[in-house]
PDB file of N, CA and C in Angstrom:
ATOM      1  N   UNK A   1     -42.445  32.154 -95.452  1.00  0.00           N
ATOM      2  CA  UNK A   1     -42.783  31.671 -94.108  1.00  0.00           C
ATOM      3  C   UNK A   1     -43.990  32.093 -93.982  1.00  0.00           C
ATOM      4  N   UNK A   2     -44.633  30.605 -92.926  1.00  0.00           N
ATOM      5  CA  UNK A   2     -46.137  30.312 -92.588  1.00  0.00           C
ATOM      6  C   UNK A   2     -46.628  31.703 -91.889  1.00  0.00           C
ATOM      7  N   UNK A   3     -47.977  32.640 -92.229  1.00  0.00           N
ATOM      8  CA  UNK A   3     -47.717  33.426 -90.823  1.00  0.00           C
ATOM      9  C   UNK A   3     -48.868  32.600 -90.134  1.00  0.00           C
ATOM     10  N   UNK A   4     -48.226  32.619 -88.913  1.00  0.00           N
ATOM     11  CA  UNK A   4     -49.331  31.824 -88.324  1.00  0.00           C
ATOM     12  C   UNK A   4     -49.191  32.735 -86.778  1.00  0.00           C
ATOM     13  N   UNK A   5     -49.357  32.389 -85.845  1.00  0.00           N
ATOM     14  CA  UNK A   5     -49.040  32.955 -84.124  1.00  0.00           C
ATOM     15  C   UNK A   5     -48.342  32.053 -83.717  1.00  0.00           C
ATOM     16  N   UNK A   6     -47.457  32.427 -82.985  1.00  0.00           N
ATOM     17  CA  UNK A   6     -46.011  32.397 -82.223  1.00  0.00           C
ATOM     18  C   UNK A   6     -46.402  31.172 -81.343  1.00  0.00           C
ATOM     19  N   UNK A   7     -45.237  30.770 -80.824  1.00  0.00           N
ATOM     20  CA  UNK A   7     -45.201  29.798 -79.831  1.00  0.00           C
ATOM     21  C   UNK A   7     -45.220  30.756 -78.311  1.00  0.00           C
ATOM     22  N   UNK A   8     -44.438  31.857 -78.762  1.00  0.00           N
ATOM     23  CA  UNK A   8     -44.397  32.852 -77.356  1.00  0.00           C
ATOM     24  C   UNK A   8     -46.134  33.120 -77.128  1.00  0.00           C
ATOM     25  N   UNK A   9     -47.417  32.793 -77.564  1.00  0.00           N
ATOM     26  CA  UNK A   9     -49.119  33.051 -77.308  1.00  0.00           C
ATOM     27  C   UNK A   9     -49.023  31.951 -77.210  1.00  0.00           C
ATOM     28  N   UNK A  10     -48.942  31.037 -77.441  1.00  0.00           N
ATOM     29  CA  UNK A  10     -49.943  29.773 -77.529  1.00  0.00           C
ATOM     30  C   UNK A  10     -49.513  29.408 -75.986  1.00  0.00           C
ATOM     31  N   UNK A  11     -47.941  29.714 -75.488  1.00  0.00           N
ATOM     32  CA  UNK A  11     -47.328  29.546 -73.855  1.00  0.00           C
ATOM     33  C   UNK A  11     -48.014  30.085 -73.105  1.00  0.00           C
ATOM     34  N   UNK A  12     -48.625  31.569 -73.692  1.00  0.00           N
ATOM     35  CA  UNK A  12     -48.966  32.671 -72.639  1.00  0.00           C
ATOM     36  C   UNK A  12     -50.240  32.462 -72.329  1.00  0.00           C
ATOM     37  N   UNK A  13     -51.174  31.594 -73.681  1.00  0.00           N
ATOM     38  CA  UNK A  13     -52.205  31.319 -73.136  1.00  0.00           C
ATOM     39  C   UNK A  13     -52.486  30.369 -72.361  1.00  0.00           C
ATOM     40  N   UNK A  14     -51.949  28.926 -72.204  1.00  0.00           N
ATOM     41  CA  UNK A  14     -51.362  28.189 -72.221  1.00  0.00           C
ATOM     42  C   UNK A  14     -51.303  27.904 -69.775  1.00  0.00           C
ATOM     43  N   UNK A  15     -50.607  28.770 -69.889  1.00  0.00           N
ATOM     44  CA  UNK A  15     -49.869  29.544 -68.434  1.00  0.00           C
ATOM     45  C   UNK A  15     -51.021  29.873 -67.793  1.00  0.00           C
ATOM     46  N   UNK A  16     -52.026  30.952 -68.927  1.00  0.00           N
ATOM     47  CA  UNK A  16     -52.855  31.724 -68.341  1.00  0.00           C
ATOM     48  C   UNK A  16     -53.813  30.531 -68.105  1.00  0.00           C
ATOM     49  N   UNK A  17     -54.223  30.220 -68.413  1.00  0.00           N
ATOM     50  CA  UNK A  17     -55.530  29.433 -68.565  1.00  0.00           C
ATOM     51  C   UNK A  17     -54.986  28.157 -67.300  1.00  0.00           C
ATOM     52  N   UNK A  18     -53.632  27.945 -67.057  1.00  0.00           N
ATOM     53  CA  UNK A  18     -53.499  27.204 -65.657  1.00  0.00           C
ATOM     54  C   UNK A  18     -53.184  25.925 -66.105  1.00  0.00           C
ATOM     55  N   UNK A  19     -53.010  25.924 -66.870  1.00  0.00           N
ATOM     56  CA  UNK A  19     -51.692  24.361 -67.625  1.00  0.00           C
ATOM     57  C   UNK A  19     -50.429  24.343 -67.254  1.00  0.00           C
ATOM     58  N   UNK A  20     -49.635  25.445 -66.433  1.00  0.00           N
ATOM     59  CA  UNK A  20     -49.076  24.946 -65.901  1.00  0.00           C
ATOM     60  C   UNK A  20     -48.069  25.226 -64.513  1.00  0.00           C
ATOM     61  N   UNK A  21     -49.486  24.779 -63.596  1.00  0.00           N
ATOM     62  CA  UNK A  21     -49.767  25.393 -62.488  1.00  0.00           C
ATOM     63  C   UNK A  21     -48.041  24.675 -61.554  1.00  0.00           C
ATOM     64  N   UNK A  22     -48.575  23.210 -61.810  1.00  0.00           N
ATOM     65  CA  UNK A  22     -47.819  22.744 -60.905  1.00  0.00           C
ATOM     66  C   UNK A  22     -46.610  21.887 -62.134  1.00  0.00           C
ATOM     67  N   UNK A  23     -46.136  22.107 -63.158  1.00  0.00           N
ATOM     68  CA  UNK A  23     -45.314  21.799 -63.762  1.00  0.00           C
ATOM     69  C   UNK A  23     -45.482  20.865 -64.712  1.00  0.00           C
ATOM     70  N   UNK A  24     -44.669  20.533 -65.800  1.00  0.00           N
ATOM     71  CA  UNK A  24     -44.841  19.332 -66.454  1.00  0.00           C
ATOM     72  C   UNK A  24     -43.135  18.586 -66.356  1.00  0.00           C
ATOM     73  N   UNK A  25     -43.524  17.128 -67.234  1.00  0.00           N
ATOM     74  CA  UNK A  25     -42.131  16.813 -66.965  1.00  0.00           C
ATOM     75  C   UNK A  25     -42.164  16.583 -68.778  1.00  0.00           C
ATOM     76  N   UNK A  26     -40.988  15.966 -69.526  1.00  0.00           N
ATOM     77  CA  UNK A  26     -41.114  16.194 -70.521  1.00  0.00           C
ATOM     78  C   UNK A  26     -41.414  14.657 -71.211  1.00  0.00           C
ATOM     79  N   UNK A  27     -41.913  14.018 -70.985  1.00  0.00           N
ATOM     80  CA  UNK A  27     -41.730  12.914 -71.342  1.00  0.00           C
ATOM     81  C   UNK A  27     -43.924  13.295 -71.000  1.00  0.00           C
ATOM     82  N   UNK A  28     -44.575  13.484 -69.636  1.00  0.00           N
ATOM     83  CA  UNK A  28     -45.617  14.212 -70.125  1.00  0.00           C
ATOM     84  C   UNK A  28     -46.327  15.029 -71.078  1.00  0.00           C
ATOM     85  N   UNK A  29     -45.078  15.957 -71.404  1.00  0.00           N
ATOM     86  CA  UNK A  29     -45.301  16.444 -73.069  1.00  0.00           C
ATOM     87  C   UNK A  29     -45.391  15.852 -74.432  1.00  0.00           C
ATOM     88  N   UNK A  30     -44.666  15.089 -74.188  1.00  0.00           N
ATOM     89  CA  UNK A  30     -44.544  14.339 -75.196  1.00  0.00           C
ATOM     90  C   UNK A  30     -46.405  12.789 -75.425  1.00  0.00           C
ATOM     91  N   UNK A  31     -46.247  12.462 -74.343  1.00  0.00           N
ATOM     92  CA  UNK A  31     -47.331  11.651 -74.730  1.00  0.00           C
ATOM     93  C   UNK A  31     -48.577  12.991 -74.939  1.00  0.00           C
ATOM     94  N   UNK A  32     -48.826  14.191 -74.505  1.00  0.00           N
ATOM     95  CA  UNK A  32     -49.970  15.043 -74.711  1.00  0.00           C
ATOM     96  C   UNK A  32     -50.135  15.154 -76.561  1.00  0.00           C
ATOM     97  N   UNK A  33     -47.978  15.625 -76.735  1.00  0.00           N
ATOM     98  CA  UNK A  33     -48.750  15.387 -79.051  1.00  0.00           C
ATOM     99  C   UNK A  33     -48.763  14.148 -79.082  1.00  0.00           C
ATOM    100  N   UNK A  34     -48.033  13.297 -78.373  1.00  0.00           N
ATOM    101  CA  UNK A  34     -48.731  11.603 -78.994  1.00  0.00           C
ATOM    102  C   UNK A  34     -50.185  11.429 -78.669  1.00  0.00           C
ATOM    103  N   UNK A  35     -51.520  11.891 -77.691  1.00  0.00           N
ATOM    104  CA  UNK A  35     -52.040  11.833 -77.865  1.00  0.00           C
ATOM    105  C   UNK A  35     -53.394  12.632 -78.877  1.00  0.00           C
ATOM    106  N   UNK A  36     -52.806  14.090 -79.553  1.00  0.00           N
ATOM    107  CA  UNK A  36     -53.467  14.583 -80.417  1.00  0.00           C
ATOM    108  C   UNK A  36     -53.023  14.320 -81.405  1.00  0.00           C
ATOM    109  N   UNK A  37     -52.140  13.534 -81.635  1.00  0.00           N
ATOM    110  CA  UNK A  37     -51.818  12.672 -83.148  1.00  0.00           C
ATOM    111  C   UNK A  37     -53.080  11.311 -82.978  1.00  0.00           C
ATOM    112  N   UNK A  38     -53.034  11.026 -81.930  1.00  0.00           N
ATOM    113  CA  UNK A  38     -53.826   9.974 -81.740  1.00  0.00           C
ATOM    114  C   UNK A  38     -55.373  10.406 -82.430  1.00  0.00           C
ATOM    115  N   UNK A  39     -55.942  11.500 -81.608  1.00  0.00           N
ATOM    116  CA  UNK A  39     -57.062  12.064 -82.028  1.00  0.00           C
ATOM    117  C   UNK A  39     -56.910  12.457 -83.292  1.00  0.00           C
ATOM    118  N   UNK A  40     -56.167  12.825 -83.908  1.00  0.00           N
ATOM    119  CA  UNK A  40     -56.181  12.858 -85.895  1.00  0.00           C
ATOM    120  C   UNK A  40     -56.898  11.737 -86.631  1.00  0.00           C
ATOM    121  N   UNK A  41     -55.685  10.887 -86.090  1.00  0.00           N
ATOM    122  CA  UNK A  41     -56.122   9.486 -86.624  1.00  0.00           C
ATOM    123  C   UNK A  41     -57.039   8.986 -86.698  1.00  0.00           C
ATOM    124  N   UNK A  42     -58.178   9.095 -85.235  1.00  0.00           N
ATOM    125  CA  UNK A  42     -59.266   8.866 -84.945  1.00  0.00           C
ATOM    126  C   UNK A  42     -60.410   9.394 -85.730  1.00  0.00           C
ATOM    127  N   UNK A  43     -59.942  11.129 -85.913  1.00  0.00           N
ATOM    128  CA  UNK A  43     -60.711  11.970 -86.814  1.00  0.00           C
ATOM    129  C   UNK A  43     -60.834  11.066 -87.945  1.00  0.00           C
ATOM    130  N   UNK A  44     -60.091  11.357 -88.886  1.00  0.00           N
ATOM    131  CA  UNK A  44     -59.582  10.589 -90.027  1.00  0.00           C
ATOM    132  C   UNK A  44     -60.087   8.669 -90.188  1.00  0.00           C
ATOM    133  N   UNK A  45     -60.429   8.617 -89.476  1.00  0.00           N
ATOM    134  CA  UNK A  45     -61.050   6.723 -89.172  1.00  0.00           C
ATOM    135  C   UNK A  45     -62.326   6.875 -88.615  1.00  0.00           C
ATOM    136  N   UNK A  46     -62.721   7.692 -88.645  1.00  0.00           N
ATOM    137  CA  UNK A  46     -64.058   8.435 -88.427  1.00  0.00           C
ATOM    138  C   UNK A  46     -65.159   9.164 -89.573  1.00  0.00           C
ATOM    139  N   UNK A  47     -63.881  10.060 -90.405  1.00  0.00           N
ATOM    140  CA  UNK A  47     -64.412  10.642 -91.212  1.00  0.00           C
ATOM    141  C   UNK A  47     -65.202  11.694 -90.941  1.00  0.00           C
ATOM    142  N   UNK A  48     -64.902  12.305 -89.861  1.00  0.00           N
ATOM    143  CA  UNK A  48     -65.261  13.699 -89.200  1.00  0.00           C
ATOM    144  C   UNK A  48     -65.306  14.833 -89.940  1.00  0.00           C
ATOM    145  N   UNK A  49     -66.809  15.400 -90.614  1.00  0.00           N
ATOM    146  CA  UNK A  49     -65.874  16.543 -91.897  1.00  0.00           C
ATOM    147  C   UNK A  49     -65.771  17.807 -90.854  1.00  0.00           C
ATOM    148  N   UNK A  50     -65.461  18.323 -91.705  1.00  0.00           N
ATOM    149  CA  UNK A  50     -64.304  19.717 -91.608  1.00  0.00           C
ATOM    150  C   UNK A  50     -65.498  20.099 -90.641  1.00  0.00           C
ATOM    151  N   UNK A  51     -64.591  20.949 -89.742  1.00  0.00           N
ATOM    152  CA  UNK A  51     -66.106  21.810 -89.495  1.00  0.00           C
ATOM    153  C   UNK A  51     -66.068  21.092 -88.257  1.00  0.00           C
ATOM    154  N   UNK A  52     -66.263  19.921 -88.159  1.00  0.00           N
ATOM    155  CA  UNK A  52     -67.333  19.425 -87.140  1.00  0.00           C
ATOM    156  C   UNK A  52     -66.257  19.291 -85.889  1.00  0.00           C
ATOM    157  N   UNK A  53     -66.505  18.985 -84.496  1.00  0.00           N
ATOM    158  CA  UNK A  53     -65.261  19.172 -83.350  1.00  0.00           C
ATOM    159  C   UNK A  53     -64.617  17.798 -83.621  1.00  0.00           C
ATOM    160  N   UNK A  54     -63.723  17.856 -83.805  1.00  0.00           N
ATOM    161  CA  UNK A  54     -62.912  16.939 -84.005  1.00  0.00           C
ATOM    162  C   UNK A  54     -62.781  16.062 -85.051  1.00  0.00           C
ATOM    163  N   UNK A  55     -62.809  16.881 -86.070  1.00  0.00           N
ATOM    164  CA  UNK A  55     -61.896  16.841 -87.345  1.00  0.00           C
ATOM    165  C   UNK A  55     -60.755  16.618 -87.502  1.00  0.00           C
ATOM    166  N   UNK A  56     -59.889  16.601 -88.806  1.00  0.00           N
ATOM    167  CA  UNK A  56     -58.865  16.142 -88.577  1.00  0.00           C
ATOM    168  C   UNK A  56     -58.345  18.196 -88.533  1.00  0.00           C
ATOM    169  N   UNK A  57     -58.169  19.081 -89.144  1.00  0.00           N
ATOM    170  CA  UNK A  57     -57.445  20.031 -89.377  1.00  0.00           C
ATOM    171  C   UNK A  57     -57.906  20.644 -87.583  1.00  0.00           C
ATOM    172  N   UNK A  58     -58.841  20.496 -86.854  1.00  0.00           N
ATOM    173  CA  UNK A  58     -58.621  20.590 -85.432  1.00  0.00           C
ATOM    174  C   UNK A  58     -57.850  20.225 -84.659  1.00  0.00           C
ATOM    175  N   UNK A  59     -57.738  18.260 -85.045  1.00  0.00           N
ATOM    176  CA  UNK A  59     -56.684  17.975 -84.307  1.00  0.00           C
ATOM    177  C   UNK A  59     -54.899  18.384 -84.749  1.00  0.00           C
ATOM    178  N   UNK A  60     -55.562  18.806 -85.784  1.00  0.00           N
ATOM    179  CA  UNK A  60     -53.436  19.044 -86.436  1.00  0.00           C
ATOM    180  C   UNK A  60     -53.232  19.785 -85.407  1.00  0.00           C
ATOM    181  N   UNK A  61     -53.768  20.941 -85.968  1.00  0.00           N
ATOM    182  CA  UNK A  61     -53.815  22.081 -84.870  1.00  0.00           C
ATOM    183  C   UNK A  61     -53.426  22.062 -83.509  1.00  0.00           C
ATOM    184  N   UNK A  62     -54.029  20.951 -83.120  1.00  0.00           N
ATOM    185  CA  UNK A  62     -53.935  20.689 -81.466  1.00  0.00           C
ATOM    186  C   UNK A  62     -52.543  20.648 -81.814  1.00  0.00           C
ATOM    187  N   UNK A  63     -52.665  19.182 -82.609  1.00  0.00           N
ATOM    188  CA  UNK A  63     -50.940  19.184 -82.355  1.00  0.00           C
ATOM    189  C   UNK A  63     -49.629  20.310 -81.931  1.00  0.00           C
ATOM    190  N   UNK A  64     -49.599  20.799 -83.584  1.00  0.00           N
ATOM    191  CA  UNK A  64     -48.766  22.066 -83.096  1.00  0.00           C
ATOM    192  C   UNK A  64     -48.749  22.773 -82.132  1.00  0.00           C
ATOM    193  N   UNK A  65     -50.274  23.209 -81.157  1.00  0.00           N
ATOM    194  CA  UNK A  65     -50.313  23.944 -80.345  1.00  0.00           C
ATOM    195  C   UNK A  65     -49.392  22.797 -79.062  1.00  0.00           C
ATOM    196  N   UNK A  66     -50.077  21.943 -79.046  1.00  0.00           N
ATOM    197  CA  UNK A  66     -48.905  21.315 -77.982  1.00  0.00           C
ATOM    198  C   UNK A  66     -47.710  20.970 -78.647  1.00  0.00           C
ATOM    199  N   UNK A  67     -46.661  21.347 -79.511  1.00  0.00           N
ATOM    200  CA  UNK A  67     -45.729  21.434 -79.920  1.00  0.00           C
ATOM    201  C   UNK A  67     -44.837  23.040 -79.324  1.00  0.00           C
ATOM    202  N   UNK A  68     -45.311  24.067 -80.215  1.00  0.00           N
ATOM    203  CA  UNK A  68     -45.252  24.982 -79.716  1.00  0.00           C
ATOM    204  C   UNK A  68     -45.401  25.297 -78.078  1.00  0.00           C
ATOM    205  N   UNK A  69     -46.197  24.960 -77.390  1.00  0.00           N
ATOM    206  CA  UNK A  69     -46.011  25.300 -76.044  1.00  0.00           C
ATOM    207  C   UNK A  69     -44.897  24.382 -75.609  1.00  0.00           C
ATOM    208  N   UNK A  70     -44.864  22.972 -75.307  1.00  0.00           N
ATOM    209  CA  UNK A  70     -44.163  22.323 -74.957  1.00  0.00           C
ATOM    210  C   UNK A  70     -42.181  23.230 -75.553  1.00  0.00           C
ATOM    211  N   UNK A  71     -42.316  23.534 -76.482  1.00  0.00           N
ATOM    212  CA  UNK A  71     -41.085  23.939 -77.020  1.00  0.00           C
ATOM    213  C   UNK A  71     -40.832  25.624 -76.343  1.00  0.00           C
ATOM    214  N   UNK A  72     -41.883  25.804 -76.435  1.00  0.00           N
ATOM    215  CA  UNK A  72     -41.216  27.893 -75.813  1.00  0.00           C
ATOM    216  C   UNK A  72     -41.592  27.623 -74.228  1.00  0.00           C
ATOM    217  N   UNK A  73     -41.385  26.371 -73.676  1.00  0.00           N
ATOM    218  CA  UNK A  73     -41.668  26.214 -72.497  1.00  0.00           C
ATOM    219  C   UNK A  73     -39.880  25.550 -72.039  1.00  0.00           C
ATOM    220  N   UNK A  74     -39.678  24.873 -73.234  1.00  0.00           N
ATOM    221  CA  UNK A  74     -38.375  24.340 -72.606  1.00  0.00           C
ATOM    222  C   UNK A  74     -36.768  25.476 -73.641  1.00  0.00           C
ATOM    223  N   UNK A  75     -37.580  26.752 -74.131  1.00  0.00           N
ATOM    224  CA  UNK A  75     -36.836  27.485 -74.104  1.00  0.00           C
ATOM    225  C   UNK A  75     -36.090  26.941 -75.917  1.00  0.00           C
ATOM    226  N   UNK A  76     -36.758  26.829 -76.686  1.00  0.00           N
ATOM    227  CA  UNK A  76     -36.239  25.756 -77.852  1.00  0.00           C
ATOM    228  C   UNK A  76     -36.866  27.338 -78.608  1.00  0.00           C
ATOM    229  N   UNK A  77     -36.250  27.321 -80.018  1.00  0.00           N
ATOM    230  CA  UNK A  77     -36.946  28.174 -80.760  1.00  0.00           C
ATOM    231  C   UNK A  77     -37.562  27.680 -82.302  1.00  0.00           C
ATOM    232  N   UNK A  78     -38.565  27.093 -81.948  1.00  0.00           N
ATOM    233  CA  UNK A  78     -39.237  26.038 -82.998  1.00  0.00           C
ATOM    234  C   UNK A  78     -39.595  26.104 -83.698  1.00  0.00           C
ATOM    235  N   UNK A  79     -39.544  28.333 -84.499  1.00  0.00           N
ATOM    236  CA  UNK A  79     -39.763  28.345 -85.931  1.00  0.00           C
ATOM    237  C   UNK A  79     -38.201  28.282 -86.578  1.00  0.00           C
ATOM    238  N   UNK A  80     -37.530  28.416 -85.273  1.00  0.00           N
ATOM    239  CA  UNK A  80     -35.728  28.568 -86.605  1.00  0.00           C
ATOM    240  C   UNK A  80     -35.399  26.977 -86.310  1.00  0.00           C
ATOM    241  N   UNK A  81     -36.080  26.021 -86.153  1.00  0.00           N
ATOM    242  CA  UNK A  81     -36.163  24.715 -85.411  1.00  0.00           C
ATOM    243  C   UNK A  81     -35.823  24.345 -87.048  1.00  0.00           C
ATOM    244  N   UNK A  82     -37.115  24.535 -87.682  1.00  0.00           N
ATOM    245  CA  UNK A  82     -38.203  23.790 -88.009  1.00  0.00           C
ATOM    246  C   UNK A  82     -37.686  24.533 -89.657  1.00  0.00           C
ATOM    247  N   UNK A  83     -37.241  26.077 -89.801  1.00  0.00           N
ATOM    248  CA  UNK A  83     -36.674  26.684 -90.893  1.00  0.00           C
ATOM    249  C   UNK A  83     -35.439  25.750 -91.203  1.00  0.00           C
ATOM    250  N   UNK A  84     -34.320  25.510 -89.907  1.00  0.00           N
ATOM    251  CA  UNK A  84     -33.392  24.689 -90.248  1.00  0.00           C
ATOM    252  C   UNK A  84     -33.639  23.483 -90.927  1.00  0.00           C
ATOM    253  N   UNK A  85     -34.728  22.750 -89.933  1.00  0.00           N
ATOM    254  CA  UNK A  85     -34.541  21.291 -90.446  1.00  0.00           C
ATOM    255  C   UNK A  85     -34.673  21.549 -91.930  1.00  0.00           C
ATOM    256  N   UNK A  86     -35.895  22.319 -91.705  1.00  0.00           N
ATOM    257  CA  UNK A  86     -36.503  22.665 -93.675  1.00  0.00           C
ATOM    258  C   UNK A  86     -34.985  22.526 -94.619  1.00  0.00           C
ATOM    259  N   UNK A  87     -34.002  23.249 -94.460  1.00  0.00           N
ATOM    260  CA  UNK A  87     -33.241  23.263 -95.330  1.00  0.00           C
ATOM    261  C   UNK A  87     -32.239  22.404 -95.842  1.00  0.00           C
ATOM    262  N   UNK A  88     -32.273  21.893 -94.771  1.00  0.00           N
ATOM    263  CA  UNK A  88     -31.471  20.706 -94.897  1.00  0.00           C
ATOM    264  C   UNK A  88     -32.219  19.645 -95.367  1.00  0.00           C
ATOM    265  N   UNK A  89     -33.304  19.359 -95.543  1.00  0.00           N
ATOM    266  CA  UNK A  89     -33.789  18.089 -95.640  1.00  0.00           C
ATOM    267  C   UNK A  89     -34.446  18.604 -97.488  1.00  0.00           C
ATOM    268  N   UNK A  90     -34.149  20.082 -98.231  1.00  0.00           N
ATOM    269  CA  UNK A  90     -33.904  20.554 -99.423  1.00  0.00           C
ATOM    270  C   UNK A  90     -32.113  20.150 -99.918  1.00  0.00           C
ATOM    271  N   UNK A  91     -31.952  19.450 -99.226  1.00  0.00           N
ATOM    272  CA  UNK A  91     -30.737  18.779 -99.526  1.00  0.00           C
ATOM    273  C   UNK A  91     -29.776  17.372-100.127  1.00  0.00           C
ATOM    274  N   UNK A  92     -30.705  17.281 -99.192  1.00  0.00           N
ATOM    275  CA  UNK A  92     -31.376  15.784 -99.220  1.00  0.00           C
ATOM    276  C   UNK A  92     -31.830  15.381-100.789  1.00  0.00           C
ATOM    277  N   UNK A  93     -31.232  14.013-100.844  1.00  0.00           N
ATOM    278  CA  UNK A  93     -31.914  13.289-102.201  1.00  0.00           C
ATOM    279  C   UNK A  93     -32.923  12.867-102.211  1.00  0.00           C
ATOM    280  N   UNK A  94     -33.955  12.285-103.523  1.00  0.00           N
ATOM    281  CA  UNK A  94     -34.542  11.719-103.590  1.00  0.00           C
ATOM    282  C   UNK A  94     -35.200  10.501-102.463  1.00  0.00           C
ATOM    283  N   UNK A  95     -36.033  11.009-101.841  1.00  0.00           N
ATOM    284  CA  UNK A  95     -36.865   9.931-100.692  1.00  0.00           C
ATOM    285  C   UNK A  95     -35.736   9.148-100.611  1.00  0.00           C
ATOM    286  N   UNK A  96     -34.479   9.797 -99.872  1.00  0.00           N
ATOM    287  CA  UNK A  96     -34.064  10.010 -99.259  1.00  0.00           C
ATOM    288  C   UNK A  96     -33.300   7.886 -98.119  1.00  0.00           C
ATOM    289  N   UNK A  97     -32.982   7.562 -97.801  1.00  0.00           N
ATOM    290  CA  UNK A  97     -33.000   6.599 -96.439  1.00  0.00           C
ATOM    291  C   UNK A  97     -33.098   5.103 -97.409  1.00  0.00           C
ATOM    292  N   UNK A  98     -33.367   5.488 -98.504  1.00  0.00           N
ATOM    293  CA  UNK A  98     -34.531   5.071 -98.698  1.00  0.00           C
ATOM    294  C   UNK A  98     -35.530   3.629 -98.171  1.00  0.00           C
ATOM    295  N   UNK A  99     -35.847   4.372 -97.786  1.00  0.00           N
ATOM    296  CA  UNK A  99     -37.297   4.053 -96.547  1.00  0.00           C
ATOM    297  C   UNK A  99     -38.750   4.065 -97.829  1.00  0.00           C
ATOM    298  N   UNK A 100     -39.474   3.118 -97.365  1.00  0.00           N
ATOM    299  CA  UNK A 100     -40.739   2.888 -97.998  1.00  0.00           C
ATOM    300  C   UNK A 100     -41.818   3.911 -98.246  1.00  0.00           C
ATOM    301  N   UNK A 101     -41.957   4.529 -96.286  1.00  0.00           N
ATOM    302  CA  UNK A 101     -42.776   5.412 -95.976  1.00  0.00           C
ATOM    303  C   UNK A 101     -42.306   6.505 -94.582  1.00  0.00           C
TER     304      UNK A 101
END
């Protein structure tokens, strides 16, 4: 299992920093996650060096932070869900579904 900060702590920080004062809709939360994915793509496209502001690792971390925050707010045990999905993926055949990418 990956040793990382908990979704509970991530969400608590977001609440303490005022990001939940007016509430947020699920579409808004998903758009925030999407915006972080877009920033990761831009980090890649612009070859931002690791350690610099806006680098790939920072943007990928932001994606996880947004997912943790959202899942905790919605009462979803995301760590359990990831573990369950991982276990299921282990049972799938090689390149299941015939997808190219």
